[in-house]
Structures are given as C-alpha cells and as structure tokens.
PDB file of N, CA and C in Angstrom:
ATOM      1  N   MET A   1     117.415 103.004 101.155  1.00  0.00           N
ATOM      2  CA  MET A   1     116.057 102.967 100.574  1.00  0.00           C
ATOM      3  C   MET A   1     116.697 102.835  99.106  1.00  0.00           C
ATOM      4  N   PRO A   2     115.099 101.831  98.372  1.00  0.00           N
ATOM      5  CA  PRO A   2     115.269 102.119  96.746  1.00  0.00           C
ATOM      6  C   PRO A   2     115.746 103.231  95.959  1.00  0.00           C
ATOM      7  N   GLU A   3     116.383 103.550  94.695  1.00  0.00           N
ATOM      8  CA  GLU A   3     115.914 104.306  93.744  1.00  0.00           C
ATOM      9  C   GLU A   3     115.381 103.766  92.945  1.00  0.00           C
ATOM     10  N   ILE A   4     115.074 104.491  91.876  1.00  0.00           N
ATOM     11  CA  ILE A   4     114.190 103.313  90.672  1.00  0.00           C
ATOM     12  C   ILE A   4     114.037 104.943  89.698  1.00  0.00           C
ATOM     13  N   THR A   5     114.090 104.560  88.516  1.00  0.00           N
ATOM     14  CA  THR A   5     113.602 105.219  87.902  1.00  0.00           C
ATOM     15  C   THR A   5     112.260 105.094  87.018  1.00  0.00           C
ATOM     16  N   PHE A   6     111.716 106.018  86.894  1.00  0.00           N
ATOM     17  CA  PHE A   6     110.005 106.401  86.886  1.00  0.00           C
ATOM     18  C   PHE A   6     109.563 106.999  86.097  1.00  0.00           C
ATOM     19  N   ASN A   7     108.419 106.578  84.991  1.00  0.00           N
ATOM     20  CA  ASN A   7     108.089 107.794  84.239  1.00  0.00           C
ATOM     21  C   ASN A   7     106.526 107.155  84.150  1.00  0.00           C
ATOM     22  N   ALA A   8     105.449 108.424  83.470  1.00  0.00           N
ATOM     23  CA  ALA A   8     104.529 108.103  83.496  1.00  0.00           C
ATOM     24  C   ALA A   8     103.724 108.344  81.809  1.00  0.00           C
ATOM     25  N   PHE A   9     103.171 107.613  81.565  1.00  0.00           N
ATOM     26  CA  PHE A   9     103.209 108.090  80.293  1.00  0.00           C
ATOM     27  C   PHE A   9     101.342 108.572  79.635  1.00  0.00           C
ATOM     28  N   SER A  10     101.590 109.295  78.534  1.00  0.00           N
ATOM     29  CA  SER A  10     100.166 109.579  77.461  1.00  0.00           C
ATOM     30  C   SER A  10      99.286 110.994  79.523  1.00  0.00           C
ATOM     31  N   PHE A  11      98.092 110.269  79.704  1.00  0.00           N
ATOM     32  CA  PHE A  11      96.769 111.541  79.840  1.00  0.00           C
ATOM     33  C   PHE A  11      97.969 111.340  81.577  1.00  0.00           C
ATOM     34  N   LEU A  12      98.628 110.461  82.032  1.00  0.00           N
ATOM     35  CA  LEU A  12      98.749 110.611  82.761  1.00  0.00           C
ATOM     36  C   LEU A  12      99.869 111.652  83.616  1.00  0.00           C
ATOM     37  N   GLN A  13     100.578 112.328  82.438  1.00  0.00           N
ATOM     38  CA  GLN A  13     101.542 113.411  82.315  1.00  0.00           C
ATOM     39  C   GLN A  13     100.630 114.350  82.800  1.00  0.00           C
ATOM     40  N   LYS A  14      99.833 114.870  81.911  1.00  0.00           N
ATOM     41  CA  LYS A  14      99.042 115.378  82.473  1.00  0.00           C
ATOM     42  C   LYS A  14      98.565 116.498  83.793  1.00  0.00           C
ATOM     43  N   LYS A  15      98.107 114.630  84.539  1.00  0.00           N
ATOM     44  CA  LYS A  15      97.561 114.932  85.781  1.00  0.00           C
ATOM     45  C   LYS A  15      98.877 115.211  86.672  1.00  0.00           C
ATOM     46  N   LEU A  16     100.447 114.480  86.273  1.00  0.00           N
ATOM     47  CA  LEU A  16     101.277 115.079  87.131  1.00  0.00           C
ATOM     48  C   LEU A  16     101.607 116.413  86.939  1.00  0.00           C
ATOM     49  N   LYS A  17     102.025 116.766  86.097  1.00  0.00           N
ATOM     50  CA  LYS A  17     102.127 118.133  85.356  1.00  0.00           C
ATOM     51  C   LYS A  17     101.417 119.068  86.517  1.00  0.00           C
ATOM     52  N   ALA A  18     100.019 118.690  86.715  1.00  0.00           N
ATOM     53  CA  ALA A  18      99.262 119.436  87.038  1.00  0.00           C
ATOM     54  C   ALA A  18      99.674 119.747  88.440  1.00  0.00           C
ATOM     55  N   LYS A  19      99.921 118.567  89.016  1.00  0.00           N
ATOM     56  CA  LYS A  19     100.493 118.837  90.464  1.00  0.00           C
ATOM     57  C   LYS A  19     102.108 118.856  91.070  1.00  0.00           C
ATOM     58  N   GLN A  20     102.639 119.368  89.889  1.00  0.00           N
ATOM     59  CA  GLN A  20     104.137 119.700  90.027  1.00  0.00           C
ATOM     60  C   GLN A  20     104.877 118.373  90.343  1.00  0.00           C
ATOM     61  N   ILE A  21     104.286 117.182  89.782  1.00  0.00           N
ATOM     62  CA  ILE A  21     105.283 115.952  90.213  1.00  0.00           C
ATOM     63  C   ILE A  21     106.180 116.094  88.256  1.00  0.00           C
ATOM     64  N   GLU A  22     107.402 115.506  88.569  1.00  0.00           N
ATOM     65  CA  GLU A  22     108.035 114.678  87.613  1.00  0.00           C
ATOM     66  C   GLU A  22     107.292 113.816  87.582  1.00  0.00           C
ATOM     67  N   TYR A  23     107.573 113.333  85.762  1.00  0.00           N
ATOM     68  CA  TYR A  23     106.889 112.473  85.252  1.00  0.00           C
ATOM     69  C   TYR A  23     107.613 111.498  84.232  1.00  0.00           C
ATOM     70  N   SER A  24     109.116 112.208  83.694  1.00  0.00           N
ATOM     71  CA  SER A  24     109.911 111.217  82.644  1.00  0.00           C
ATOM     72  C   SER A  24     111.580 110.999  83.237  1.00  0.00           C
ATOM     73  N   ASN A  25     111.501 110.178  83.172  1.00  0.00           N
ATOM     74  CA  ASN A  25     112.957 109.395  83.801  1.00  0.00           C
ATOM     75  C   ASN A  25     113.299 110.527  84.615  1.00  0.00           C
ATOM     76  N   VAL A  26     112.713 109.900  85.756  1.00  0.00           N
ATOM     77  CA  VAL A  26     113.161 110.795  87.109  1.00  0.00           C
ATOM     78  C   VAL A  26     113.404 109.888  87.992  1.00  0.00           C
ATOM     79  N   ASN A  27     114.597 110.007  88.304  1.00  0.00           N
ATOM     80  CA  ASN A  27     115.317 109.487  89.337  1.00  0.00           C
ATOM     81  C   ASN A  27     114.396 109.284  90.679  1.00  0.00           C
ATOM     82  N   MET A  28     113.603 108.212  91.461  1.00  0.00           N
ATOM     83  CA  MET A  28     112.910 108.727  92.501  1.00  0.00           C
ATOM     84  C   MET A  28     113.643 107.460  93.628  1.00  0.00           C
ATOM     85  N   THR A  29     113.579 108.454  94.948  1.00  0.00           N
ATOM     86  CA  THR A  29     113.730 107.195  96.202  1.00  0.00           C
ATOM     87  C   THR A  29     112.315 107.038  97.047  1.00  0.00           C
ATOM     88  N   ILE A  30     112.091 105.202  97.030  1.00  0.00           N
ATOM     89  CA  ILE A  30     111.297 104.950  97.358  1.00  0.00           C
ATOM     90  C   ILE A  30     111.617 104.466  98.622  1.00  0.00           C
ATOM     91  N   LYS A  31     110.108 103.928  99.823  1.00  0.00           N
ATOM     92  CA  LYS A  31     110.056 103.529 100.627  1.00  0.00           C
ATOM     93  C   LYS A  31     110.540 101.669 100.276  1.00  0.00           C
ATOM     94  N   GLN A  32     112.294 101.031 101.150  1.00  0.00           N
ATOM     95  CA  GLN A  32     112.058 100.090 101.199  1.00  0.00           C
ATOM     96  C   GLN A  32     111.004  98.943 101.356  1.00  0.00           C
ATOM     97  N   GLY A  33     110.506  97.846 100.401  1.00  0.00           N
ATOM     98  CA  GLY A  33     109.536  96.912 100.804  1.00  0.00           C
ATOM     99  C   GLY A  33     108.192  97.885  99.606  1.00  0.00           C
ATOM    100  N   SER A  34     108.399  98.818  99.465  1.00  0.00           N
ATOM    101  CA  SER A  34     107.349  99.351  98.482  1.00  0.00           C
ATOM    102  C   SER A  34     107.344  98.521  97.133  1.00  0.00           C
ATOM    103  N   CYS A  35     105.565  98.652  96.735  1.00  0.00           N
ATOM    104  CA  CYS A  35     104.985  98.176  95.523  1.00  0.00           C
ATOM    105  C   CYS A  35     104.904  99.128  94.564  1.00  0.00           C
ATOM    106  N   ALA A  36     104.310  98.538  93.555  1.00  0.00           N
ATOM    107  CA  ALA A  36     103.335  99.137  92.735  1.00  0.00           C
ATOM    108  C   ALA A  36     102.578  99.977  93.001  1.00  0.00           C
ATOM    109  N   GLN A  37     101.232  99.595  93.521  1.00  0.00           N
ATOM    110  CA  GLN A  37     100.552 100.561  94.081  1.00  0.00           C
ATOM    111  C   GLN A  37     100.877 101.491  95.242  1.00  0.00           C
ATOM    112  N   ASP A  38     101.658 101.187  96.334  1.00  0.00           N
ATOM    113  CA  ASP A  38     102.621 102.464  97.009  1.00  0.00           C
ATOM    114  C   ASP A  38     103.104 103.441  96.332  1.00  0.00           C
ATOM    115  N   LEU A  39     104.019 103.476  94.976  1.00  0.00           N
ATOM    116  CA  LEU A  39     103.942 104.005  93.750  1.00  0.00           C
ATOM    117  C   LEU A  39     103.372 104.764  93.089  1.00  0.00           C
ATOM    118  N   ILE A  40     102.418 104.298  93.028  1.00  0.00           N
ATOM    119  CA  ILE A  40     101.293 105.040  92.653  1.00  0.00           C
ATOM    120  C   ILE A  40     100.428 106.051  93.738  1.00  0.00           C
ATOM    121  N   SER A  41     100.759 105.474  94.997  1.00  0.00           N
ATOM    122  CA  SER A  41      99.889 106.674  96.031  1.00  0.00           C
ATOM    123  C   SER A  41     101.001 107.503  95.524  1.00  0.00           C
ATOM    124  N   GLN A  42     102.285 107.264  96.082  1.00  0.00           N
ATOM    125  CA  GLN A  42     103.705 108.276  96.062  1.00  0.00           C
ATOM    126  C   GLN A  42     103.531 109.423  95.735  1.00  0.00           C
ATOM    127  N   VAL A  43     102.951 108.966  94.066  1.00  0.00           N
ATOM    128  CA  VAL A  43     102.883 110.237  93.061  1.00  0.00           C
ATOM    129  C   VAL A  43     101.675 110.508  93.142  1.00  0.00           C
ATOM    130  N   GLN A  44     100.652 110.599  93.755  1.00  0.00           N
ATOM    131  CA  GLN A  44      99.898 111.183  94.024  1.00  0.00           C
ATOM    132  C   GLN A  44      98.256 111.068  92.789  1.00  0.00           C
ATOM    133  N   LEU A  45      98.205 109.183  92.824  1.00  0.00           N
ATOM    134  CA  LEU A  45      97.450 109.014  91.231  1.00  0.00           C
ATOM    135  C   LEU A  45      97.002 107.929  92.321  1.00  0.00           C
ATOM    136  N   SER A  46      95.442 107.672  91.489  1.00  0.00           N
ATOM    137  CA  SER A  46      94.499 106.700  92.193  1.00  0.00           C
ATOM    138  C   SER A  46      94.823 105.341  91.073  1.00  0.00           C
ATOM    139  N   ARG A  47      94.200 104.616  91.606  1.00  0.00           N
ATOM    140  CA  ARG A  47      94.325 102.881  91.206  1.00  0.00           C
ATOM    141  C   ARG A  47      93.728 103.222  89.496  1.00  0.00           C
ATOM    142  N   GLU A  48      92.607 104.128  89.786  1.00  0.00           N
ATOM    143  CA  GLU A  48      91.757 104.039  88.991  1.00  0.00           C
ATOM    144  C   GLU A  48      92.213 104.772  87.594  1.00  0.00           C
ATOM    145  N   ASP A  49      92.986 105.701  87.532  1.00  0.00           N
ATOM    146  CA  ASP A  49      94.541 105.901  86.727  1.00  0.00           C
ATOM    147  C   ASP A  49      95.189 105.329  86.326  1.00  0.00           C
ATOM    148  N   VAL A  50      95.577 104.159  86.758  1.00  0.00           N
ATOM    149  CA  VAL A  50      96.667 103.165  86.350  1.00  0.00           C
ATOM    150  C   VAL A  50      95.745 101.913  85.368  1.00  0.00           C
ATOM    151  N   GLU A  51      96.084 102.167  84.147  1.00  0.00           N
ATOM    152  CA  GLU A  51      95.812 100.736  83.470  1.00  0.00           C
ATOM    153  C   GLU A  51      96.354  98.841  83.439  1.00  0.00           C
ATOM    154  N   VAL A  52      98.042  99.718  83.256  1.00  0.00           N
ATOM    155  CA  VAL A  52      98.980  98.822  83.649  1.00  0.00           C
ATOM    156  C   VAL A  52     100.410  99.663  84.321  1.00  0.00           C
ATOM    157  N   VAL A  53     100.801  98.696  84.927  1.00  0.00           N
ATOM    158  CA  VAL A  53     102.525  99.220  85.309  1.00  0.00           C
ATOM    159  C   VAL A  53     103.447  97.918  85.275  1.00  0.00           C
ATOM    160  N   PHE A  54     104.294  98.719  84.140  1.00  0.00           N
ATOM    161  CA  PHE A  54     105.517  98.672  83.773  1.00  0.00           C
ATOM    162  C   PHE A  54     106.637  98.299  84.819  1.00  0.00           C
ATOM    163  N   ILE A  55     107.801  97.123  84.794  1.00  0.00           N
ATOM    164  CA  ILE A  55     108.770  97.203  85.943  1.00  0.00           C
ATOM    165  C   ILE A  55     109.767  96.586  84.843  1.00  0.00           C
ATOM    166  N   ASN A  56     110.839  96.994  84.812  1.00  0.00           N
ATOM    167  CA  ASN A  56     111.749  96.170  83.800  1.00  0.00           C
ATOM    168  C   ASN A  56     111.036  96.028  82.184  1.00  0.00           C
ATOM    169  N   GLY A  57     110.098  96.530  81.736  1.00  0.00           N
ATOM    170  CA  GLY A  57     109.908  96.243  80.667  1.00  0.00           C
ATOM    171  C   GLY A  57     108.632  95.272  80.815  1.00  0.00           C
ATOM    172  N   LYS A  58     107.969  94.715  82.024  1.00  0.00           N
ATOM    173  CA  LYS A  58     107.429  93.801  81.815  1.00  0.00           C
ATOM    174  C   LYS A  58     105.906  93.847  82.521  1.00  0.00           C
ATOM    175  N   VAL A  59     105.085  93.735  82.299  1.00  0.00           N
ATOM    176  CA  VAL A  59     103.812  93.945  82.938  1.00  0.00           C
ATOM    177  C   VAL A  59     104.034  92.868  84.237  1.00  0.00           C
ATOM    178  N   ALA A  60     103.709  94.441  85.485  1.00  0.00           N
ATOM    179  CA  ALA A  60     103.336  93.661  86.551  1.00  0.00           C
ATOM    180  C   ALA A  60     102.094  94.080  87.487  1.00  0.00           C
ATOM    181  N   SER A  61     102.217  93.078  88.535  1.00  0.00           N
ATOM    182  CA  SER A  61     100.870  92.748  89.551  1.00  0.00           C
ATOM    183  C   SER A  61     100.663  94.136  90.118  1.00  0.00           C
ATOM    184  N   LEU A  62      99.987  94.763  90.642  1.00  0.00           N
ATOM    185  CA  LEU A  62      99.974  96.141  91.900  1.00  0.00           C
ATOM    186  C   LEU A  62     100.922  95.880  93.342  1.00  0.00           C
ATOM    187  N   ASP A  63     100.900  94.984  93.434  1.00  0.00           N
ATOM    188  CA  ASP A  63     101.501  94.186  94.581  1.00  0.00           C
ATOM    189  C   ASP A  63     102.821  93.747  94.606  1.00  0.00           C
ATOM    190  N   THR A  64     103.334  93.706  93.026  1.00  0.00           N
ATOM    191  CA  THR A  64     104.667  93.383  93.393  1.00  0.00           C
ATOM    192  C   THR A  64     105.660  94.442  93.806  1.00  0.00           C
ATOM    193  N   ILE A  65     106.880  93.974  94.835  1.00  0.00           N
ATOM    194  CA  ILE A  65     107.934  94.598  95.487  1.00  0.00           C
ATOM    195  C   ILE A  65     109.091  95.256  94.562  1.00  0.00           C
ATOM    196  N   ILE A  66     109.217  96.627  94.358  1.00  0.00           N
ATOM    197  CA  ILE A  66     109.932  97.471  93.729  1.00  0.00           C
ATOM    198  C   ILE A  66     111.316  97.371  94.084  1.00  0.00           C
ATOM    199  N   GLN A  67     112.201  96.855  93.316  1.00  0.00           N
ATOM    200  CA  GLN A  67     113.980  96.738  93.871  1.00  0.00           C
ATOM    201  C   GLN A  67     114.164  98.028  93.683  1.00  0.00           C
ATOM    202  N   ASP A  68     115.885  98.440  94.032  1.00  0.00           N
ATOM    203  CA  ASP A  68     116.101  98.905  94.066  1.00  0.00           C
ATOM    204  C   ASP A  68     117.359  98.886  92.144  1.00  0.00           C
ATOM    205  N   ASN A  69     117.054 100.114  91.212  1.00  0.00           N
ATOM    206  CA  ASN A  69     117.412 100.508  90.156  1.00  0.00           C
ATOM    207  C   ASN A  69     116.726  99.816  89.312  1.00  0.00           C
ATOM    208  N   ASP A  70     115.009  99.244  89.909  1.00  0.00           N
ATOM    209  CA  ASP A  70     113.923  98.883  88.797  1.00  0.00           C
ATOM    210  C   ASP A  70     113.449  99.918  88.267  1.00  0.00           C
ATOM    211  N   ARG A  71     113.025  99.771  86.546  1.00  0.00           N
ATOM    212  CA  ARG A  71     112.386 100.971  85.963  1.00  0.00           C
ATOM    213  C   ARG A  71     111.019 100.920  86.147  1.00  0.00           C
ATOM    214  N   VAL A  72     109.997 101.966  86.452  1.00  0.00           N
ATOM    215  CA  VAL A  72     108.602 101.133  86.511  1.00  0.00           C
ATOM    216  C   VAL A  72     108.079 102.820  85.672  1.00  0.00           C
ATOM    217  N   ALA A  73     107.182 102.072  85.100  1.00  0.00           N
ATOM    218  CA  ALA A  73     106.624 103.456  84.280  1.00  0.00           C
ATOM    219  C   ALA A  73     105.281 102.461  84.606  1.00  0.00           C
ATOM    220  N   LEU A  74     103.755 103.874  84.630  1.00  0.00           N
ATOM    221  CA  LEU A  74     102.488 103.564  84.811  1.00  0.00           C
ATOM    222  C   LEU A  74     101.754 103.827  82.990  1.00  0.00           C
ATOM    223  N   VAL A  75     100.897 103.163  82.801  1.00  0.00           N
ATOM    224  CA  VAL A  75     100.180 103.524  81.474  1.00  0.00           C
ATOM    225  C   VAL A  75      98.638 103.470  82.204  1.00  0.00           C
ATOM    226  N   PRO A  76      98.032 104.611  81.426  1.00  0.00           N
ATOM    227  CA  PRO A  76      96.742 105.051  81.736  1.00  0.00           C
ATOM    228  C   PRO A  76      95.724 104.238  80.647  1.00  0.00           C
ATOM    229  N   HIS A  77      94.882 104.433  81.276  1.00  0.00           N
ATOM    230  CA  HIS A  77      94.155 103.200  79.952  1.00  0.00           C
ATOM    231  C   HIS A  77      93.612 104.513  79.218  1.00  0.00           C
ATOM    232  N   GLY A  78      93.062 103.524  77.655  1.00  0.00           N
ATOM    233  CA  GLY A  78      92.519 104.460  77.054  1.00  0.00           C
ATOM    234  C   GLY A  78      93.875 104.147  75.906  1.00  0.00           C
ATOM    235  N   THR A  79      95.147 103.928  76.549  1.00  0.00           N
ATOM    236  CA  THR A  79      96.164 104.035  75.570  1.00  0.00           C
ATOM    237  C   THR A  79      96.044 103.357  74.089  1.00  0.00           C
ATOM    238  N   PRO A  80      96.431 103.955  73.144  1.00  0.00           N
ATOM    239  CA  PRO A  80      95.941 103.199  71.566  1.00  0.00           C
ATOM    240  C   PRO A  80      97.297 102.121  71.844  1.00  0.00           C
ATOM    241  N   GLY A  81      96.862 101.037  71.001  1.00  0.00           N
ATOM    242  CA  GLY A  81      98.433 100.632  70.090  1.00  0.00           C
ATOM    243  C   GLY A  81      97.832  98.931  70.151  1.00  0.00           C
ATOM    244  N   PRO A  82      98.935  98.680  68.604  1.00  0.00           N
ATOM    245  CA  PRO A  82      98.157  96.746  68.033  1.00  0.00           C
ATOM    246  C   PRO A  82      99.183  96.374  69.004  1.00  0.00           C
ATOM    247  N   TYR A  83     100.180  96.627  69.984  1.00  0.00           N
ATOM    248  CA  TYR A  83     100.572  95.800  70.717  1.00  0.00           C
ATOM    249  C   TYR A  83     100.143  95.067  72.147  1.00  0.00           C
ATOM    250  N   ARG A  84      99.183  96.161  72.348  1.00  0.00           N
ATOM    251  CA  ARG A  84      98.381  95.943  73.584  1.00  0.00           C
ATOM    252  C   ARG A  84      98.440  93.942  74.325  1.00  0.00           C
ATOM    253  N   VAL A  85      98.240  93.706  73.647  1.00  0.00           N
ATOM    254  CA  VAL A  85      97.422  92.157  74.189  1.00  0.00           C
ATOM    255  C   VAL A  85      99.059  91.335  74.348  1.00  0.00           C
ATOM    256  N   LEU A  86      99.601  91.971  73.260  1.00  0.00           N
ATOM    257  CA  LEU A  86     101.243  91.411  73.500  1.00  0.00           C
ATOM    258  C   LEU A  86     102.227  91.532  74.801  1.00  0.00           C
ATOM    259  N   LEU A  87     101.894  92.680  74.596  1.00  0.00           N
ATOM    260  CA  LEU A  87     103.023  93.676  76.226  1.00  0.00           C
ATOM    261  C   LEU A  87     102.125  92.870  77.762  1.00  0.00           C
ATOM    262  N   GLY A  88     101.236  92.527  77.265  1.00  0.00           N
ATOM    263  CA  GLY A  88     100.167  91.595  78.853  1.00  0.00           C
ATOM    264  C   GLY A  88      99.261  92.955  79.046  1.00  0.00           C
ATOM    265  N   PHE A  89      98.412  94.056  77.926  1.00  0.00           N
ATOM    266  CA  PHE A  89      97.853  95.002  78.306  1.00  0.00           C
ATOM    267  C   PHE A  89      96.070  93.756  78.745  1.00  0.00           C
ATOM    268  N   LYS A  90      96.057  93.237  77.922  1.00  0.00           N
ATOM    269  CA  LYS A  90      94.453  92.875  78.157  1.00  0.00           C
ATOM    270  C   LYS A  90      94.123  91.266  78.633  1.00  0.00           C
ATOM    271  N   ASN A  91      93.564  92.120  79.526  1.00  0.00           N
ATOM    272  CA  ASN A  91      93.106  90.485  80.470  1.00  0.00           C
ATOM    273  C   ASN A  91      93.749  91.014  81.859  1.00  0.00           C
ATOM    274  N   LYS A  92      94.493  91.665  81.900  1.00  0.00           N
ATOM    275  CA  LYS A  92      95.780  91.216  82.934  1.00  0.00           C
ATOM    276  C   LYS A  92      95.074  91.520  84.103  1.00  0.00           C
ATOM    277  N   ASN A  93      95.327  91.193  85.096  1.00  0.00           N
ATOM    278  CA  ASN A  93      94.840  90.989  86.446  1.00  0.00           C
ATOM    279  C   ASN A  93      95.722  91.764  87.579  1.00  0.00           C
ATOM    280  N   LEU A  94      95.703  92.891  87.805  1.00  0.00           N
ATOM    281  CA  LEU A  94      96.767  93.496  88.438  1.00  0.00           C
ATOM    282  C   LEU A  94      96.196  93.511  89.828  1.00  0.00           C
TER     283      LEU A  94
END
C-alpha cells in the first residue's frame, strides 16, 4: 500500500483538527490506486471544502492517481496570495 506525506492548509486544518485528524506532514497509508478525490474522502472532507490539490508541488486533478512517496497537499477555497494564477489555481478544472 502506498505511503504518502499529507498536508492540509488554512481553514482545512481547523476542520481536520475538530475531527482529530492530523494535517501537517503526516505519513499516511492509502489504498493502491487511490486518486486525490479518494484522499479527500479518506480525511473526511468534501469536494466543496477543497479548491486545489497539489501532488509533489504541482496542481493536480481530482482523478490523479497518487503514487507511493508522493507529497499531497489540500488547499481550501479563499486562500489568498498573489501567485494563485502562477500556481495553477485560477480556472483550473479539477
């Protein structure tokens, strides 16, 4: 089973903390063949909670299969920052 490093940012941290789910540099095991949407469900978040998924530092679609040793981060809607477009946030069809 693949092992990943998981992070959640901003408002998602509060939601995960309330559910007693770790959210910062967490080593996590996922099922083989899991995609980003599966991970969102595994950490008990909804699709509406997440604006962008980063896999290994790059914006990824929700159907991207997560591989062993990937670094995966979830970012909520409304996260400010001048580099949103450069990072791939704007108009990214997840």
